[in-house]
Amino acid sequence: MNCVEPDPPDRGLRLGRHRYPPDSLLVMAIVNRTPDSFYDRGATYAEGAALDAVAAAVAAGADIVDIGGVKAAPGGDVDVAEELRRTVSFVAKVRERWPQVAISVDTWRSEVAREVCAAGAELLNDSWGGADPKLAEVAAAHDVGLVCAHAGRQAPRTVPHRVSYPDVMADVLARTTALAEQAEAVGVARESILLDPAHDFGKNTWHSLEVTRRLPELVARGRPVLVSLSRKDFVGETLNLTVSERLNGTLAATAVCAWLGARVFRAHDVMATRQVLDMTASIRGTRPPVAAVRALA
């Protein structure tokens, strides 16, 4: 009889010098240093506007700030030099002004990862699922966190076309686990690795809805799970809404994912996301109400 060894429990999350307990629900605020992002259309491309966005996110309750220099969708070419220009000095300024916040950088390039880690980044958000295998080596060398995402083996900045899986969640489990094990093998600390099912990446709307329902299967792997749901196409197609109309659907998906065990939530709308997570945690019993006086006086 073959005995399958159970996955170890989630022991918490460490991003550089930041430590978070296993029951914490963390908001990762999105700050795009791009002129063509799908939601804000370049509202935080200029450095001053981006710094203002970080200040607002921190005030609204963000635990992590995720800085991106290249939009995920196809568009104008952004070479390594330009991505560095958009991110490195900005990371250094955020690190200096807000030392209490963990800094993530959304990049798939090891050349960029090396420089932003030197500037103060504590998490590498590899949305493209290991397209550059050297990224994990950079995370290990700098003792920072790494997001292992399922992108359906698509090349960076490509749009999925008629993708299919015999079992989409089985593919998510296999790919993210393999990436996490490879990262550990090169020296990334287990408690610094997050798994991301990567809604919309290499998936149609049916796939994204299914991985949401089946999120406990990923949580059961014993590693913190990150979800990036904010105003995505699967929300828009499910409800037939434009990007600007997708907040309520995003928050519904956020509450469901929090209840099912996700730990980190990448979001445009920080305050609304923070309130949803706090309410979910209180219903779950891991966060007390701020004030509970009704029927007690």
Protein backbone atom coordinates (compact mmCIF):
# COMPACT_ATOMS: atom_id res chain seq x y z
CA MET A 1 0.00 0.00 0.00
CA ASN A 2 1.39 3.38 -1.00
CA CYS A 3 1.22 6.09 1.65
CA VAL A 4 1.10 9.65 0.36
CA GLU A 5 2.87 12.03 2.68
CA PRO A 6 0.60 14.98 3.54
CA ASP A 7 1.59 18.49 2.56
CA PRO A 8 3.12 20.46 5.46
CA PRO A 9 0.90 23.16 6.98
CA ASP A 10 1.22 26.81 6.03
CA ARG A 11 3.59 28.20 8.67
CA GLY A 12 3.16 31.83 7.70
CA LEU A 13 4.76 34.09 5.14
CA ARG A 14 8.10 35.87 5.16
CA LEU A 15 8.94 38.60 2.64
CA GLY A 16 12.43 39.81 3.43
CA ARG A 17 12.27 41.25 6.94
CA HIS A 18 8.46 41.21 6.99
CA ARG A 19 6.70 38.30 8.67
CA TYR A 20 2.98 37.52 8.55
CA PRO A 21 1.13 34.84 10.57
CA PRO A 22 -0.82 32.04 8.85
CA ASP A 23 -4.22 33.62 9.52
CA SER A 24 -3.35 37.04 8.05
CA LEU A 25 -5.14 38.35 4.96
CA LEU A 26 -2.92 40.77 3.08
CA VAL A 27 -3.72 43.46 0.52
CA MET A 28 -1.20 43.90 -2.29
CA ALA A 29 -1.81 47.32 -3.86
CA ILE A 30 -1.19 47.65 -7.60
CA VAL A 31 0.94 50.61 -8.72
CA ASN A 32 1.69 50.46 -12.44
CA ARG A 33 4.59 52.53 -13.78
CA THR A 34 3.21 52.04 -17.29
CA PRO A 35 1.52 54.44 -19.70
CA ASP A 36 -0.98 51.84 -20.95
CA SER A 37 -2.23 49.65 -18.10
CA PHE A 38 -5.67 48.14 -18.72
CA TYR A 39 -7.39 49.79 -15.74
CA ASP A 40 -5.85 53.18 -14.97
CA ARG A 41 -4.55 53.91 -18.49
CA GLY A 42 -1.31 55.38 -17.23
CA ALA A 43 -2.61 57.33 -14.22
CA THR A 44 0.46 56.31 -12.18
CA TYR A 45 3.05 56.34 -14.93
CA ALA A 46 4.57 59.64 -13.78
CA GLU A 47 6.71 59.25 -10.67
CA GLY A 48 4.88 61.88 -8.64
CA ALA A 49 1.50 60.30 -9.35
CA ALA A 50 2.89 56.86 -8.53
CA LEU A 51 4.26 58.05 -5.18
CA ASP A 52 0.89 59.62 -4.39
CA ALA A 53 -0.75 56.28 -5.22
CA VAL A 54 1.57 54.45 -2.82
CA ALA A 55 0.79 56.96 -0.06
CA ALA A 56 -2.94 56.51 -0.64
CA ALA A 57 -2.62 52.72 -0.70
CA VAL A 58 -0.68 52.64 2.56
CA ALA A 59 -3.21 54.94 4.22
CA ALA A 60 -6.02 52.67 3.00
CA GLY A 61 -4.47 49.58 4.55
CA ALA A 62 -2.13 48.03 1.99
CA ASP A 63 0.38 45.54 3.39
CA ILE A 64 2.33 45.11 0.14
CA VAL A 65 2.83 47.43 -2.82
CA ASP A 66 3.24 45.69 -6.19
CA ILE A 67 5.15 47.83 -8.70
CA GLY A 68 4.99 46.96 -12.37
CA GLY A 69 6.96 48.40 -15.27
CA VAL A 70 5.39 46.41 -18.13
CA LYS A 71 1.71 45.78 -18.69
CA ALA A 72 0.69 42.15 -19.02
CA ALA A 73 -1.21 42.52 -22.28
CA PRO A 74 0.41 42.87 -25.70
CA GLY A 75 1.50 46.38 -26.63
CA GLY A 76 4.54 48.47 -27.36
CA ASP A 77 7.91 46.86 -26.76
CA VAL A 78 9.42 47.53 -23.34
CA ASP A 79 13.03 46.40 -23.24
CA VAL A 80 15.05 45.62 -20.12
CA ALA A 81 16.59 49.10 -19.97
CA GLU A 82 13.18 50.77 -20.05
CA GLU A 83 11.72 48.44 -17.44
CA LEU A 84 14.69 49.21 -15.20
CA ARG A 85 14.18 52.93 -15.71
CA ARG A 86 10.54 52.65 -14.67
CA THR A 87 11.10 50.54 -11.56
CA VAL A 88 14.50 50.61 -9.87
CA SER A 89 14.75 54.18 -8.59
CA PHE A 90 11.05 54.13 -7.74
CA VAL A 91 11.49 51.02 -5.60
CA ALA A 92 14.32 52.75 -3.74
CA LYS A 93 12.13 55.78 -3.01
CA VAL A 94 9.22 53.67 -1.79
CA ARG A 95 11.57 51.68 0.44
CA GLU A 96 12.92 54.89 1.97
CA ARG A 97 9.54 56.54 2.55
CA TRP A 98 7.45 53.54 3.65
CA PRO A 99 9.73 51.04 5.41
CA GLN A 100 6.72 49.37 7.06
CA VAL A 101 5.35 48.14 3.71
CA ALA A 102 6.67 45.16 1.77
CA ILE A 103 7.63 45.95 -1.83
CA SER A 104 6.81 43.56 -4.65
CA VAL A 105 7.88 43.99 -8.27
CA ASP A 106 5.85 42.43 -11.08
CA THR A 107 8.49 41.18 -13.51
CA TRP A 108 9.48 37.99 -15.28
CA ARG A 109 13.03 39.14 -16.12
CA SER A 110 15.96 38.12 -13.93
CA GLU A 111 17.97 41.16 -15.06
CA VAL A 112 15.26 43.45 -13.69
CA ALA A 113 14.75 41.31 -10.60
CA ARG A 114 18.41 41.59 -9.64
CA GLU A 115 18.37 45.40 -9.72
CA VAL A 116 15.03 45.90 -7.96
CA CYS A 117 16.06 43.53 -5.16
CA ALA A 118 19.24 45.55 -4.69
CA ALA A 119 17.02 48.65 -4.48
CA GLY A 120 14.81 47.17 -1.76
CA ALA A 121 12.19 44.86 -3.28
CA GLU A 122 11.19 41.95 -1.04
CA LEU A 123 8.96 39.95 -3.39
CA LEU A 124 9.27 39.02 -7.07
CA ASN A 125 5.82 38.63 -8.59
CA ASP A 126 6.46 36.37 -11.57
CA SER A 127 3.06 36.46 -13.27
CA TRP A 128 4.37 34.51 -16.28
CA GLY A 129 5.10 31.26 -14.50
CA GLY A 130 8.84 30.81 -14.71
CA ALA A 131 9.44 32.16 -18.22
CA ASP A 132 12.93 33.10 -17.00
CA PRO A 133 14.18 30.27 -14.75
CA LYS A 134 16.95 32.50 -13.41
CA LEU A 135 14.37 34.60 -11.57
CA ALA A 136 14.24 32.06 -8.74
CA GLU A 137 18.02 32.20 -8.44
CA VAL A 138 17.80 35.97 -7.94
CA ALA A 139 15.13 35.51 -5.25
CA ALA A 140 17.38 33.03 -3.47
CA ALA A 141 20.46 35.22 -3.72
CA HIS A 142 18.63 38.18 -2.15
CA ASP A 143 16.53 36.11 0.29
CA VAL A 144 13.26 37.58 -0.98
CA GLY A 145 9.86 36.12 -1.76
CA LEU A 146 8.75 34.61 -5.06
CA VAL A 147 5.32 34.16 -6.63
CA CYS A 148 4.96 30.90 -8.55
CA ALA A 149 2.09 31.44 -10.98
CA HIS A 150 0.24 29.27 -13.47
CA ALA A 151 0.29 30.97 -16.86
CA GLY A 152 -0.50 27.92 -18.94
CA ARG A 153 3.06 27.95 -20.30
CA GLN A 154 2.27 31.05 -22.34
CA ALA A 155 5.02 33.44 -23.35
CA PRO A 156 4.99 36.80 -21.57
CA ARG A 157 2.55 39.39 -22.86
CA THR A 158 0.49 37.00 -24.97
CA VAL A 159 -3.29 36.55 -24.94
CA PRO A 160 -4.68 33.01 -24.53
CA HIS A 161 -6.41 31.66 -27.63
CA ARG A 162 -8.69 28.61 -27.44
CA VAL A 163 -6.80 27.18 -24.48
CA SER A 164 -7.99 23.86 -23.11
CA TYR A 165 -7.07 21.53 -20.28
CA PRO A 166 -8.26 18.02 -19.44
CA ASP A 167 -8.46 19.38 -15.87
CA VAL A 168 -7.47 23.02 -15.39
CA MET A 169 -6.96 22.75 -11.62
CA ALA A 170 -4.79 19.67 -12.00
CA ASP A 171 -2.61 21.69 -14.36
CA VAL A 172 -2.49 24.60 -11.90
CA LEU A 173 -1.47 22.27 -9.09
CA ALA A 174 1.20 20.52 -11.11
CA ARG A 175 2.75 23.66 -12.57
CA THR A 176 2.79 25.84 -9.45
CA THR A 177 4.06 23.01 -7.28
CA ALA A 178 6.85 22.25 -9.75
CA LEU A 179 7.89 25.91 -9.83
CA ALA A 180 7.84 26.10 -6.03
CA GLU A 181 9.96 22.97 -5.69
CA GLN A 182 12.44 24.28 -8.26
CA ALA A 183 12.65 27.55 -6.34
CA GLU A 184 13.31 25.74 -3.08
CA ALA A 185 15.97 23.63 -4.78
CA VAL A 186 17.95 26.76 -5.73
CA GLY A 187 17.62 28.24 -2.25
CA VAL A 188 14.38 30.23 -1.97
CA ALA A 189 13.01 29.77 1.56
CA ARG A 190 9.82 27.72 1.71
CA GLU A 191 8.05 30.37 3.81
CA SER A 192 8.81 32.98 1.14
CA ILE A 193 7.11 31.19 -1.78
CA LEU A 194 3.52 31.96 -2.80
CA LEU A 195 1.32 30.06 -5.25
CA ASP A 196 -0.89 31.95 -7.71
CA PRO A 197 -3.56 30.24 -9.85
CA ALA A 198 -3.29 33.32 -12.11
CA HIS A 199 -6.86 34.11 -13.08
CA ASP A 200 -7.15 35.03 -16.80
CA PHE A 201 -3.52 34.06 -17.53
CA GLY A 202 -3.64 31.11 -19.93
CA LYS A 203 -7.31 30.66 -19.09
CA ASN A 204 -10.76 31.48 -20.37
CA THR A 205 -13.54 32.66 -18.07
CA TRP A 206 -14.79 29.12 -17.38
CA HIS A 207 -11.28 28.14 -16.28
CA SER A 208 -10.95 31.13 -13.94
CA LEU A 209 -14.31 30.41 -12.34
CA GLU A 210 -13.35 26.77 -11.85
CA VAL A 211 -10.00 27.50 -10.21
CA THR A 212 -11.84 29.89 -7.88
CA ARG A 213 -14.30 27.17 -6.82
CA ARG A 214 -11.50 24.67 -6.39
CA LEU A 215 -9.08 26.99 -4.60
CA PRO A 216 -8.97 24.75 -1.48
CA GLU A 217 -7.03 22.21 -3.55
CA LEU A 218 -4.25 24.76 -4.03
CA VAL A 219 -4.43 25.96 -0.42
CA ALA A 220 -4.01 22.34 0.70
CA ARG A 221 -0.49 22.38 -0.73
CA GLY A 222 0.55 24.15 2.47
CA ARG A 223 1.92 27.32 0.87
CA PRO A 224 0.41 30.83 0.99
CA VAL A 225 -1.86 31.47 -1.98
CA LEU A 226 -2.01 34.81 -3.81
CA VAL A 227 -4.93 35.73 -6.04
CA SER A 228 -5.04 38.56 -8.55
CA LEU A 229 -8.73 39.16 -9.24
CA SER A 230 -9.03 42.90 -9.54
CA ARG A 231 -11.36 43.98 -12.37
CA LYS A 232 -10.23 41.09 -14.55
CA ASP A 233 -11.90 39.84 -17.71
CA PHE A 234 -13.39 36.77 -16.04
CA VAL A 235 -15.35 39.13 -13.78
CA GLY A 236 -16.35 41.31 -16.71
CA GLU A 237 -17.44 38.41 -18.92
CA THR A 238 -19.33 36.70 -16.09
CA LEU A 239 -21.37 39.84 -15.38
CA ASN A 240 -21.16 41.54 -18.81
CA LEU A 241 -19.45 44.62 -17.37
CA THR A 242 -16.73 47.00 -18.50
CA VAL A 243 -13.48 47.41 -16.56
CA SER A 244 -14.79 50.45 -14.70
CA GLU A 245 -17.92 48.54 -13.58
CA ARG A 246 -16.23 45.44 -12.15
CA LEU A 247 -15.58 46.39 -8.53
CA ASN A 248 -18.57 44.60 -6.98
CA GLY A 249 -17.83 41.39 -8.87
CA THR A 250 -14.19 41.64 -7.86
CA LEU A 251 -15.12 42.03 -4.19
CA ALA A 252 -17.48 39.05 -4.36
CA ALA A 253 -14.66 36.91 -5.76
CA THR A 254 -12.33 38.34 -3.10
CA ALA A 255 -14.62 37.29 -0.26
CA VAL A 256 -15.02 33.80 -1.72
CA CYS A 257 -11.27 33.34 -2.17
CA ALA A 258 -10.57 34.62 1.35
CA TRP A 259 -13.09 32.19 2.79
CA LEU A 260 -11.55 29.34 0.78
CA GLY A 261 -8.06 30.07 2.09
CA ALA A 262 -6.24 32.59 -0.11
CA ARG A 263 -3.86 34.83 1.81
CA VAL A 264 -2.70 37.68 -0.44
CA PHE A 265 -5.00 39.76 -2.65
CA ARG A 266 -3.61 41.90 -5.46
CA ALA A 267 -5.97 44.83 -5.86
CA HIS A 268 -6.56 48.22 -7.42
CA ASP A 269 -9.19 49.21 -4.83
CA VAL A 270 -7.31 48.94 -1.56
CA MET A 271 -9.80 50.27 0.98
CA ALA A 272 -12.73 48.25 -0.35
CA THR A 273 -10.58 45.12 -0.48
CA ARG A 274 -9.29 45.71 3.06
CA GLN A 275 -12.84 46.01 4.38
CA VAL A 276 -13.99 42.84 2.63
CA LEU A 277 -11.01 40.90 4.01
CA ASP A 278 -11.49 42.25 7.53
CA MET A 279 -15.18 41.33 7.47
CA THR A 280 -14.41 37.86 6.14
CA ALA A 281 -11.78 37.34 8.84
CA SER A 282 -14.21 38.42 11.53
CA ILE A 283 -16.90 36.03 10.28
CA ARG A 284 -14.27 33.29 10.19
CA GLY A 285 -13.34 34.13 13.79
CA THR A 286 -9.73 35.19 13.32
CA ARG A 287 -10.31 38.93 13.78
CA PRO A 288 -12.39 40.53 16.55
CA PRO A 289 -14.80 43.38 15.82
CA VAL A 290 -13.33 46.83 16.38
CA ALA A 291 -16.31 47.65 18.62
CA ALA A 292 -18.99 45.27 19.88
CA VAL A 293 -21.50 47.13 22.04
CA ARG A 294 -24.85 46.18 20.47
CA ALA A 295 -27.13 44.48 23.02
CA LEU A 296 -24.38 44.65 25.66
CA ALA A 297 -25.29 47.94 27.32
